[in-house]
Amino acid sequence: MDSGVNIEDTTGNSRNVVSFVIYGFHTQLSLTRLQ
């Protein structure tokens, strides 16, 4: 993720799913890098 992103704590919905909530700006490049 980009350095200026505010991220809410992660929640594990199940054993194989993780969710994040991003507040503010994020770039497509950071999501592509993650993928």
PDB file of all heavy atoms in Angstrom:
ATOM      1  N   MET A   1       0.824  -1.208   0.000  1.00  0.00           N
ATOM      2  CA  MET A   1       0.000   0.000   0.000  1.00  0.00           C
ATOM      3  C   MET A   1       0.861   1.263   0.000  1.00  0.00           C
ATOM      4  O   MET A   1       1.994   1.256   0.440  1.00  0.00           O
ATOM      5  CB  MET A   1      -0.921   0.025   1.214  1.00  0.00           C
ATOM      6  CG  MET A   1      -2.092  -0.918   1.113  1.00  0.00           C
ATOM      7  SD  MET A   1      -3.220  -0.501  -0.215  1.00  0.00           S
ATOM      8  CE  MET A   1      -2.874  -1.786  -1.393  1.00  0.00           C
ATOM      9  N   ASP A   2       0.275   2.337  -0.507  1.00  0.00           N
ATOM     10  CA  ASP A   2       0.942   3.630  -0.530  1.00  0.00           C
ATOM     11  C   ASP A   2       1.190   4.119   0.894  1.00  0.00           C
ATOM     12  O   ASP A   2       0.447   3.780   1.816  1.00  0.00           O
ATOM     13  CB  ASP A   2       0.088   4.653  -1.280  1.00  0.00           C
ATOM     14  CG  ASP A   2      -0.131   4.264  -2.726  1.00  0.00           C
ATOM     15  OD1 ASP A   2       0.809   3.725  -3.335  1.00  0.00           O
ATOM     16  OD2 ASP A   2      -1.239   4.479  -3.242  1.00  0.00           O
ATOM     17  N   SER A   3       2.200   4.941   1.071  1.00  0.00           N
ATOM     18  CA  SER A   3       2.608   5.354   2.414  1.00  0.00           C
ATOM     19  C   SER A   3       1.596   6.269   3.110  1.00  0.00           C
ATOM     20  O   SER A   3       1.504   6.272   4.312  1.00  0.00           O
ATOM     21  CB  SER A   3       3.969   6.040   2.363  1.00  0.00           C
ATOM     22  OG  SER A   3       3.888   7.185   1.549  1.00  0.00           O
ATOM     23  N   GLY A   4       0.811   7.050   2.376  1.00  0.00           N
ATOM     24  CA  GLY A   4      -0.105   7.992   2.994  1.00  0.00           C
ATOM     25  C   GLY A   4      -1.496   7.460   3.246  1.00  0.00           C
ATOM     26  O   GLY A   4      -2.399   8.210   3.585  1.00  0.00           O
ATOM     27  N   VAL A   5      -1.696   6.165   3.138  1.00  0.00           N
ATOM     28  CA  VAL A   5      -3.028   5.565   3.241  1.00  0.00           C
ATOM     29  C   VAL A   5      -3.370   5.277   4.700  1.00  0.00           C
ATOM     30  O   VAL A   5      -2.546   4.760   5.449  1.00  0.00           O
ATOM     31  CB  VAL A   5      -3.088   4.263   2.413  1.00  0.00           C
ATOM     32  CG1 VAL A   5      -4.386   3.534   2.618  1.00  0.00           C
ATOM     33  CG2 VAL A   5      -2.894   4.554   0.952  1.00  0.00           C
ATOM     34  N   ASN A   6      -4.590   5.616   5.106  1.00  0.00           N
ATOM     35  CA  ASN A   6      -5.093   5.249   6.426  1.00  0.00           C
ATOM     36  C   ASN A   6      -5.869   3.952   6.299  1.00  0.00           C
ATOM     37  O   ASN A   6      -6.816   3.864   5.521  1.00  0.00           O
ATOM     38  CB  ASN A   6      -6.011   6.339   6.982  1.00  0.00           C
ATOM     39  CG  ASN A   6      -5.265   7.620   7.243  1.00  0.00           C
ATOM     40  OD1 ASN A   6      -4.101   7.599   7.604  1.00  0.00           O
ATOM     41  ND2 ASN A   6      -5.935   8.735   7.050  1.00  0.00           N
ATOM     42  N   ILE A   7      -5.469   2.959   7.073  1.00  0.00           N
ATOM     43  CA  ILE A   7      -6.072   1.631   6.971  1.00  0.00           C
ATOM     44  C   ILE A   7      -6.678   1.251   8.309  1.00  0.00           C
ATOM     45  O   ILE A   7      -6.020   1.354   9.348  1.00  0.00           O
ATOM     46  CB  ILE A   7      -5.016   0.583   6.558  1.00  0.00           C
ATOM     47  CG1 ILE A   7      -4.387   0.974   5.224  1.00  0.00           C
ATOM     48  CG2 ILE A   7      -5.638  -0.796   6.480  1.00  0.00           C
ATOM     49  CD1 ILE A   7      -3.187   0.154   4.833  1.00  0.00           C
ATOM     50  N   GLU A   8      -7.934   0.804   8.262  1.00  0.00           N
ATOM     51  CA  GLU A   8      -8.592   0.303   9.465  1.00  0.00           C
ATOM     52  C   GLU A   8      -8.082  -1.103   9.735  1.00  0.00           C
ATOM     53  O   GLU A   8      -7.684  -1.811   8.818  1.00  0.00           O
ATOM     54  CB  GLU A   8     -10.099   0.280   9.261  1.00  0.00           C
ATOM     55  CG  GLU A   8     -10.870  -0.094  10.511  1.00  0.00           C
ATOM     56  CD  GLU A   8     -12.361  -0.038  10.267  1.00  0.00           C
ATOM     57  OE1 GLU A   8     -12.875   1.052  10.008  1.00  0.00           O
ATOM     58  OE2 GLU A   8     -12.984  -1.111  10.333  1.00  0.00           O
ATOM     59  N   ASP A   9      -8.121  -1.495  10.995  1.00  0.00           N
ATOM     60  CA  ASP A   9      -7.625  -2.820  11.359  1.00  0.00           C
ATOM     61  C   ASP A   9      -8.285  -3.912  10.522  1.00  0.00           C
ATOM     62  O   ASP A   9      -9.407  -3.778  10.066  1.00  0.00           O
ATOM     63  CB  ASP A   9      -7.838  -3.089  12.847  1.00  0.00           C
ATOM     64  CG  ASP A   9      -9.292  -2.977  13.263  1.00  0.00           C
ATOM     65  OD1 ASP A   9     -10.084  -2.401  12.495  1.00  0.00           O
ATOM     66  OD2 ASP A   9      -9.623  -3.447  14.347  1.00  0.00           O
ATOM     67  N   THR A  10      -7.557  -4.968  10.349  1.00  0.00           N
ATOM     68  CA  THR A  10      -8.021  -6.061   9.501  1.00  0.00           C
ATOM     69  C   THR A  10      -9.038  -6.910  10.238  1.00  0.00           C
ATOM     70  O   THR A  10      -9.035  -7.001  11.460  1.00  0.00           O
ATOM     71  CB  THR A  10      -6.843  -6.952   9.086  1.00  0.00           C
ATOM     72  OG1 THR A  10      -6.246  -7.499  10.266  1.00  0.00           O
ATOM     73  CG2 THR A  10      -5.816  -6.160   8.320  1.00  0.00           C
ATOM     74  N   THR A  11      -9.907  -7.509   9.474  1.00  0.00           N
ATOM     75  CA  THR A  11     -10.880  -8.427  10.041  1.00  0.00           C
ATOM     76  C   THR A  11     -10.821  -9.734   9.270  1.00  0.00           C
ATOM     77  O   THR A  11     -10.830  -9.734   8.050  1.00  0.00           O
ATOM     78  CB  THR A  11     -12.310  -7.862   9.953  1.00  0.00           C
ATOM     79  OG1 THR A  11     -12.585  -7.550   8.586  1.00  0.00           O
ATOM     80  CG2 THR A  11     -12.466  -6.623  10.795  1.00  0.00           C
ATOM     81  N   GLY A  12     -10.714 -10.814   9.971  1.00  0.00           N
ATOM     82  CA  GLY A  12     -10.733 -12.123   9.339  1.00  0.00           C
ATOM     83  C   GLY A  12     -12.160 -12.638   9.309  1.00  0.00           C
ATOM     84  O   GLY A  12     -12.691 -13.037  10.333  1.00  0.00           O
ATOM     85  N   ASN A  13     -12.786 -12.588   8.139  1.00  0.00           N
ATOM     86  CA  ASN A  13     -14.175 -13.037   8.017  1.00  0.00           C
ATOM     87  C   ASN A  13     -14.290 -14.544   8.139  1.00  0.00           C
ATOM     88  O   ASN A  13     -15.258 -15.054   8.659  1.00  0.00           O
ATOM     89  CB  ASN A  13     -14.759 -12.579   6.676  1.00  0.00           C
ATOM     90  CG  ASN A  13     -14.788 -11.077   6.545  1.00  0.00           C
ATOM     91  OD1 ASN A  13     -14.785 -10.388   7.545  1.00  0.00           O
ATOM     92  ND2 ASN A  13     -14.805 -10.594   5.323  1.00  0.00           N
ATOM     93  N   SER A  14     -13.335 -15.240   7.629  1.00  0.00           N
ATOM     94  CA  SER A  14     -13.288 -16.687   7.749  1.00  0.00           C
ATOM     95  C   SER A  14     -11.827 -17.092   7.724  1.00  0.00           C
ATOM     96  O   SER A  14     -10.942 -16.238   7.750  1.00  0.00           O
ATOM     97  CB  SER A  14     -14.073 -17.348   6.612  1.00  0.00           C
ATOM     98  OG  SER A  14     -13.420 -17.137   5.380  1.00  0.00           O
ATOM     99  N   ARG A  15     -11.587 -18.367   7.644  1.00  0.00           N
ATOM    100  CA  ARG A  15     -10.206 -18.850   7.679  1.00  0.00           C
ATOM    101  C   ARG A  15      -9.385 -18.396   6.491  1.00  0.00           C
ATOM    102  O   ARG A  15      -8.178 -18.246   6.579  1.00  0.00           O
ATOM    103  CB  ARG A  15     -10.233 -20.379   7.715  1.00  0.00           C
ATOM    104  CG  ARG A  15      -9.241 -20.981   8.640  1.00  0.00           C
ATOM    105  CD  ARG A  15      -9.377 -22.452   8.638  1.00  0.00           C
ATOM    106  NE  ARG A  15      -8.715 -22.956   7.427  1.00  0.00           N
ATOM    107  CZ  ARG A  15      -8.508 -24.214   7.176  1.00  0.00           C
ATOM    108  NH1 ARG A  15      -8.945 -25.116   7.993  1.00  0.00           N
ATOM    109  NH2 ARG A  15      -7.890 -24.593   6.086  1.00  0.00           N
ATOM    110  N   ASN A  16     -10.047 -18.167   5.362  1.00  0.00           N
ATOM    111  CA  ASN A  16      -9.297 -17.842   4.150  1.00  0.00           C
ATOM    112  C   ASN A  16      -9.684 -16.507   3.520  1.00  0.00           C
ATOM    113  O   ASN A  16      -9.443 -16.297   2.345  1.00  0.00           O
ATOM    114  CB  ASN A  16      -9.434 -18.963   3.125  1.00  0.00           C
ATOM    115  CG  ASN A  16     -10.857 -19.178   2.685  1.00  0.00           C
ATOM    116  OD1 ASN A  16     -11.781 -18.688   3.317  1.00  0.00           O
ATOM    117  ND2 ASN A  16     -11.038 -19.905   1.618  1.00  0.00           N
ATOM    118  N   VAL A  17     -10.263 -15.588   4.296  1.00  0.00           N
ATOM    119  CA  VAL A  17     -10.609 -14.263   3.787  1.00  0.00           C
ATOM    120  C   VAL A  17     -10.148 -13.206   4.790  1.00  0.00           C
ATOM    121  O   VAL A  17     -10.390 -13.331   5.986  1.00  0.00           O
ATOM    122  CB  VAL A  17     -12.126 -14.113   3.553  1.00  0.00           C
ATOM    123  CG1 VAL A  17     -12.472 -12.696   3.125  1.00  0.00           C
ATOM    124  CG2 VAL A  17     -12.611 -15.107   2.527  1.00  0.00           C
ATOM    125  N   VAL A  18      -9.472 -12.181   4.274  1.00  0.00           N
ATOM    126  CA  VAL A  18      -9.047 -11.053   5.091  1.00  0.00           C
ATOM    127  C   VAL A  18      -9.607  -9.794   4.447  1.00  0.00           C
ATOM    128  O   VAL A  18      -9.557  -9.645   3.225  1.00  0.00           O
ATOM    129  CB  VAL A  18      -7.504 -10.963   5.175  1.00  0.00           C
ATOM    130  CG1 VAL A  18      -7.072  -9.769   5.992  1.00  0.00           C
ATOM    131  CG2 VAL A  18      -6.930 -12.234   5.763  1.00  0.00           C
ATOM    132  N   SER A  19     -10.157  -8.876   5.261  1.00  0.00           N
ATOM    133  CA  SER A  19     -10.727  -7.632   4.744  1.00  0.00           C
ATOM    134  C   SER A  19     -10.019  -6.433   5.359  1.00  0.00           C
ATOM    135  O   SER A  19      -9.618  -6.471   6.521  1.00  0.00           O
ATOM    136  CB  SER A  19     -12.214  -7.539   5.058  1.00  0.00           C
ATOM    137  OG  SER A  19     -12.909  -8.571   4.399  1.00  0.00           O
ATOM    138  N   PHE A  20      -9.884  -5.384   4.559  1.00  0.00           N
ATOM    139  CA  PHE A  20      -9.287  -4.133   4.998  1.00  0.00           C
ATOM    140  C   PHE A  20     -10.212  -2.998   4.572  1.00  0.00           C
ATOM    141  O   PHE A  20     -10.899  -3.111   3.569  1.00  0.00           O
ATOM    142  CB  PHE A  20      -7.925  -3.904   4.327  1.00  0.00           C
ATOM    143  CG  PHE A  20      -6.936  -4.999   4.553  1.00  0.00           C
ATOM    144  CD1 PHE A  20      -6.847  -6.063   3.679  1.00  0.00           C
ATOM    145  CD2 PHE A  20      -6.086  -4.960   5.640  1.00  0.00           C
ATOM    146  CE1 PHE A  20      -5.932  -7.075   3.877  1.00  0.00           C
ATOM    147  CE2 PHE A  20      -5.165  -5.967   5.846  1.00  0.00           C
ATOM    148  CZ  PHE A  20      -5.084  -7.018   4.962  1.00  0.00           C
ATOM    149  N   VAL A  21     -10.208  -1.903   5.316  1.00  0.00           N
ATOM    150  CA  VAL A  21     -10.923  -0.698   4.908  1.00  0.00           C
ATOM    151  C   VAL A  21      -9.890   0.407   4.783  1.00  0.00           C
ATOM    152  O   VAL A  21      -9.161   0.704   5.723  1.00  0.00           O
ATOM    153  CB  VAL A  21     -12.012  -0.301   5.920  1.00  0.00           C
ATOM    154  CG1 VAL A  21     -12.676   0.990   5.493  1.00  0.00           C
ATOM    155  CG2 VAL A  21     -13.042  -1.410   6.058  1.00  0.00           C
ATOM    156  N   ILE A  22      -9.830   0.991   3.580  1.00  0.00           N
ATOM    157  CA  ILE A  22      -8.887   2.065   3.300  1.00  0.00           C
ATOM    158  C   ILE A  22      -9.655   3.377   3.286  1.00  0.00           C
ATOM    159  O   ILE A  22     -10.672   3.493   2.609  1.00  0.00           O
ATOM    160  CB  ILE A  22      -8.192   1.854   1.942  1.00  0.00           C
ATOM    161  CG1 ILE A  22      -7.353   0.586   1.976  1.00  0.00           C
ATOM    162  CG2 ILE A  22      -7.335   3.048   1.583  1.00  0.00           C
ATOM    163  CD1 ILE A  22      -6.708   0.266   0.652  1.00  0.00           C
ATOM    164  N   TYR A  23      -9.157   4.353   4.030  1.00  0.00           N
ATOM    165  CA  TYR A  23      -9.757   5.685   4.047  1.00  0.00           C
ATOM    166  C   TYR A  23      -8.847   6.625   3.279  1.00  0.00           C
ATOM    167  O   TYR A  23      -7.662   6.710   3.553  1.00  0.00           O
ATOM    168  CB  TYR A  23      -9.933   6.184   5.475  1.00  0.00           C
ATOM    169  CG  TYR A  23     -10.904   5.350   6.268  1.00  0.00           C
ATOM    170  CD1 TYR A  23     -10.447   4.363   7.125  1.00  0.00           C
ATOM    171  CD2 TYR A  23     -12.267   5.537   6.125  1.00  0.00           C
ATOM    172  CE1 TYR A  23     -11.342   3.581   7.841  1.00  0.00           C
ATOM    173  CE2 TYR A  23     -13.170   4.768   6.833  1.00  0.00           C
ATOM    174  CZ  TYR A  23     -12.695   3.787   7.687  1.00  0.00           C
ATOM    175  OH  TYR A  23     -13.575   3.017   8.386  1.00  0.00           O
ATOM    176  N   GLY A  24      -9.404   7.313   2.309  1.00  0.00           N
ATOM    177  CA  GLY A  24      -8.629   8.270   1.540  1.00  0.00           C
ATOM    178  C   GLY A  24      -8.136   7.699   0.229  1.00  0.00           C
ATOM    179  O   GLY A  24      -8.666   6.737  -0.311  1.00  0.00           O
ATOM    180  N   PHE A  25      -7.057   8.275  -0.255  1.00  0.00           N
ATOM    181  CA  PHE A  25      -6.531   8.011  -1.579  1.00  0.00           C
ATOM    182  C   PHE A  25      -5.668   6.751  -1.603  1.00  0.00           C
ATOM    183  O   PHE A  25      -4.878   6.515  -0.710  1.00  0.00           O
ATOM    184  CB  PHE A  25      -5.696   9.220  -2.012  1.00  0.00           C
ATOM    185  CG  PHE A  25      -5.066   9.074  -3.358  1.00  0.00           C
ATOM    186  CD1 PHE A  25      -5.830   9.192  -4.499  1.00  0.00           C
ATOM    187  CD2 PHE A  25      -3.721   8.818  -3.468  1.00  0.00           C
ATOM    188  CE1 PHE A  25      -5.254   9.059  -5.745  1.00  0.00           C
ATOM    189  CE2 PHE A  25      -3.129   8.688  -4.705  1.00  0.00           C
ATOM    190  CZ  PHE A  25      -3.895   8.806  -5.844  1.00  0.00           C
ATOM    191  N   HIS A  26      -5.846   5.943  -2.617  1.00  0.00           N
ATOM    192  CA  HIS A  26      -4.941   4.825  -2.899  1.00  0.00           C
ATOM    193  C   HIS A  26      -4.797   4.729  -4.414  1.00  0.00           C
ATOM    194  O   HIS A  26      -5.668   5.178  -5.155  1.00  0.00           O
ATOM    195  CB  HIS A  26      -5.448   3.510  -2.319  1.00  0.00           C
ATOM    196  CG  HIS A  26      -6.709   3.008  -2.965  1.00  0.00           C
ATOM    197  ND1 HIS A  26      -7.939   3.508  -2.631  1.00  0.00           N
ATOM    198  CD2 HIS A  26      -6.916   2.091  -3.932  1.00  0.00           C
ATOM    199  CE1 HIS A  26      -8.870   2.906  -3.367  1.00  0.00           C
ATOM    200  NE2 HIS A  26      -8.272   2.050  -4.166  1.00  0.00           N
ATOM    201  N   THR A  27      -3.696   4.172  -4.881  1.00  0.00           N
ATOM    202  CA  THR A  27      -3.449   4.122  -6.315  1.00  0.00           C
ATOM    203  C   THR A  27      -3.714   2.733  -6.870  1.00  0.00           C
ATOM    204  O   THR A  27      -3.641   1.739  -6.147  1.00  0.00           O
ATOM    205  CB  THR A  27      -1.998   4.508  -6.646  1.00  0.00           C
ATOM    206  OG1 THR A  27      -1.119   3.551  -6.043  1.00  0.00           O
ATOM    207  CG2 THR A  27      -1.678   5.895  -6.140  1.00  0.00           C
ATOM    208  N   GLN A  28      -4.017   2.685  -8.138  1.00  0.00           N
ATOM    209  CA  GLN A  28      -4.189   1.412  -8.827  1.00  0.00           C
ATOM    210  C   GLN A  28      -2.869   0.640  -8.833  1.00  0.00           C
ATOM    211  O   GLN A  28      -2.858  -0.580  -8.788  1.00  0.00           O
ATOM    212  CB  GLN A  28      -4.681   1.648 -10.262  1.00  0.00           C
ATOM    213  CG  GLN A  28      -4.978   0.378 -11.023  1.00  0.00           C
ATOM    214  CD  GLN A  28      -6.140  -0.400 -10.430  1.00  0.00           C
ATOM    215  OE1 GLN A  28      -7.092   0.177  -9.920  1.00  0.00           O
ATOM    216  NE2 GLN A  28      -6.058  -1.714 -10.491  1.00  0.00           N
ATOM    217  N   LEU A  29      -1.756   1.362  -8.855  1.00  0.00           N
ATOM    218  CA  LEU A  29      -0.445   0.717  -8.844  1.00  0.00           C
ATOM    219  C   LEU A  29      -0.248  -0.109  -7.575  1.00  0.00           C
ATOM    220  O   LEU A  29       0.270  -1.221  -7.633  1.00  0.00           O
ATOM    221  CB  LEU A  29       0.661   1.763  -8.969  1.00  0.00           C
ATOM    222  CG  LEU A  29       2.093   1.236  -8.946  1.00  0.00           C
ATOM    223  CD1 LEU A  29       2.323   0.287 -10.119  1.00  0.00           C
ATOM    224  CD2 LEU A  29       3.073   2.378  -8.993  1.00  0.00           C
ATOM    225  N   SER A  30      -0.675   0.425  -6.431  1.00  0.00           N
ATOM    226  CA  SER A  30      -0.513  -0.328  -5.184  1.00  0.00           C
ATOM    227  C   SER A  30      -1.376  -1.585  -5.189  1.00  0.00           C
ATOM    228  O   SER A  30      -0.953  -2.633  -4.703  1.00  0.00           O
ATOM    229  CB  SER A  30      -0.823   0.547  -3.974  1.00  0.00           C
ATOM    230  OG  SER A  30      -2.164   0.975  -3.996  1.00  0.00           O
ATOM    231  N   LEU A  31      -2.578  -1.510  -5.756  1.00  0.00           N
ATOM    232  CA  LEU A  31      -3.433  -2.692  -5.836  1.00  0.00           C
ATOM    233  C   LEU A  31      -2.870  -3.717  -6.814  1.00  0.00           C
ATOM    234  O   LEU A  31      -2.927  -4.922  -6.564  1.00  0.00           O
ATOM    235  CB  LEU A  31      -4.849  -2.289  -6.241  1.00  0.00           C
ATOM    236  CG  LEU A  31      -5.595  -1.415  -5.240  1.00  0.00           C
ATOM    237  CD1 LEU A  31      -6.937  -0.995  -5.807  1.00  0.00           C
ATOM    238  CD2 LEU A  31      -5.754  -2.127  -3.914  1.00  0.00           C
ATOM    239  N   THR A  32      -2.305  -3.245  -7.923  1.00  0.00           N
ATOM    240  CA  THR A  32      -1.684  -4.155  -8.888  1.00  0.00           C
ATOM    241  C   THR A  32      -0.460  -4.825  -8.274  1.00  0.00           C
ATOM    242  O   THR A  32      -0.246  -6.026  -8.444  1.00  0.00           O
ATOM    243  CB  THR A  32      -1.279  -3.384 -10.160  1.00  0.00           C
ATOM    244  OG1 THR A  32      -2.444  -2.768 -10.697  1.00  0.00           O
ATOM    245  CG2 THR A  32      -0.668  -4.300 -11.188  1.00  0.00           C
ATOM    246  N   ARG A  33       0.319  -4.061  -7.540  1.00  0.00           N
ATOM    247  CA  ARG A  33       1.484  -4.616  -6.843  1.00  0.00           C
ATOM    248  C   ARG A  33       1.053  -5.690  -5.859  1.00  0.00           C
ATOM    249  O   ARG A  33       1.666  -6.764  -5.770  1.00  0.00           O
ATOM    250  CB  ARG A  33       2.211  -3.481  -6.120  1.00  0.00           C
ATOM    251  CG  ARG A  33       3.528  -3.850  -5.533  1.00  0.00           C
ATOM    252  CD  ARG A  33       4.214  -2.685  -4.831  1.00  0.00           C
ATOM    253  NE  ARG A  33       4.014  -1.419  -5.505  1.00  0.00           N
ATOM    254  CZ  ARG A  33       3.634  -0.295  -4.900  1.00  0.00           C
ATOM    255  NH1 ARG A  33       3.406  -0.272  -3.611  1.00  0.00           N
ATOM    256  NH2 ARG A  33       3.488   0.821  -5.571  1.00  0.00           N
ATOM    257  N   LEU A  34      -0.026  -5.439  -5.134  1.00  0.00           N
ATOM    258  CA  LEU A  34      -0.566  -6.411  -4.183  1.00  0.00           C
ATOM    259  C   LEU A  34      -0.988  -7.686  -4.899  1.00  0.00           C
ATOM    260  O   LEU A  34      -0.645  -8.794  -4.464  1.00  0.00           O
ATOM    261  CB  LEU A  34      -1.752  -5.801  -3.440  1.00  0.00           C
ATOM    262  CG  LEU A  34      -2.521  -6.708  -2.506  1.00  0.00           C
ATOM    263  CD1 LEU A  34      -1.647  -7.143  -1.344  1.00  0.00           C
ATOM    264  CD2 LEU A  34      -3.780  -6.015  -2.005  1.00  0.00           C
ATOM    265  N   GLN A  35      -1.705  -7.545  -5.995  1.00  0.00           N
ATOM    266  CA  GLN A  35      -2.171  -8.712  -6.739  1.00  0.00           C
ATOM    267  C   GLN A  35      -0.999  -9.529  -7.274  1.00  0.00           C
ATOM    268  O   GLN A  35      -1.007 -10.755  -7.185  1.00  0.00           O
ATOM    269  CB  GLN A  35      -3.077  -8.291  -7.878  1.00  0.00           C
ATOM    270  CG  GLN A  35      -3.661  -9.465  -8.630  1.00  0.00           C
ATOM    271  CD  GLN A  35      -4.606  -9.025  -9.729  1.00  0.00           C
ATOM    272  OE1 GLN A  35      -4.522  -7.905 -10.222  1.00  0.00           O
ATOM    273  NE2 GLN A  35      -5.510  -9.897 -10.090  1.00  0.00           N
TER     274      GLN A  35
END
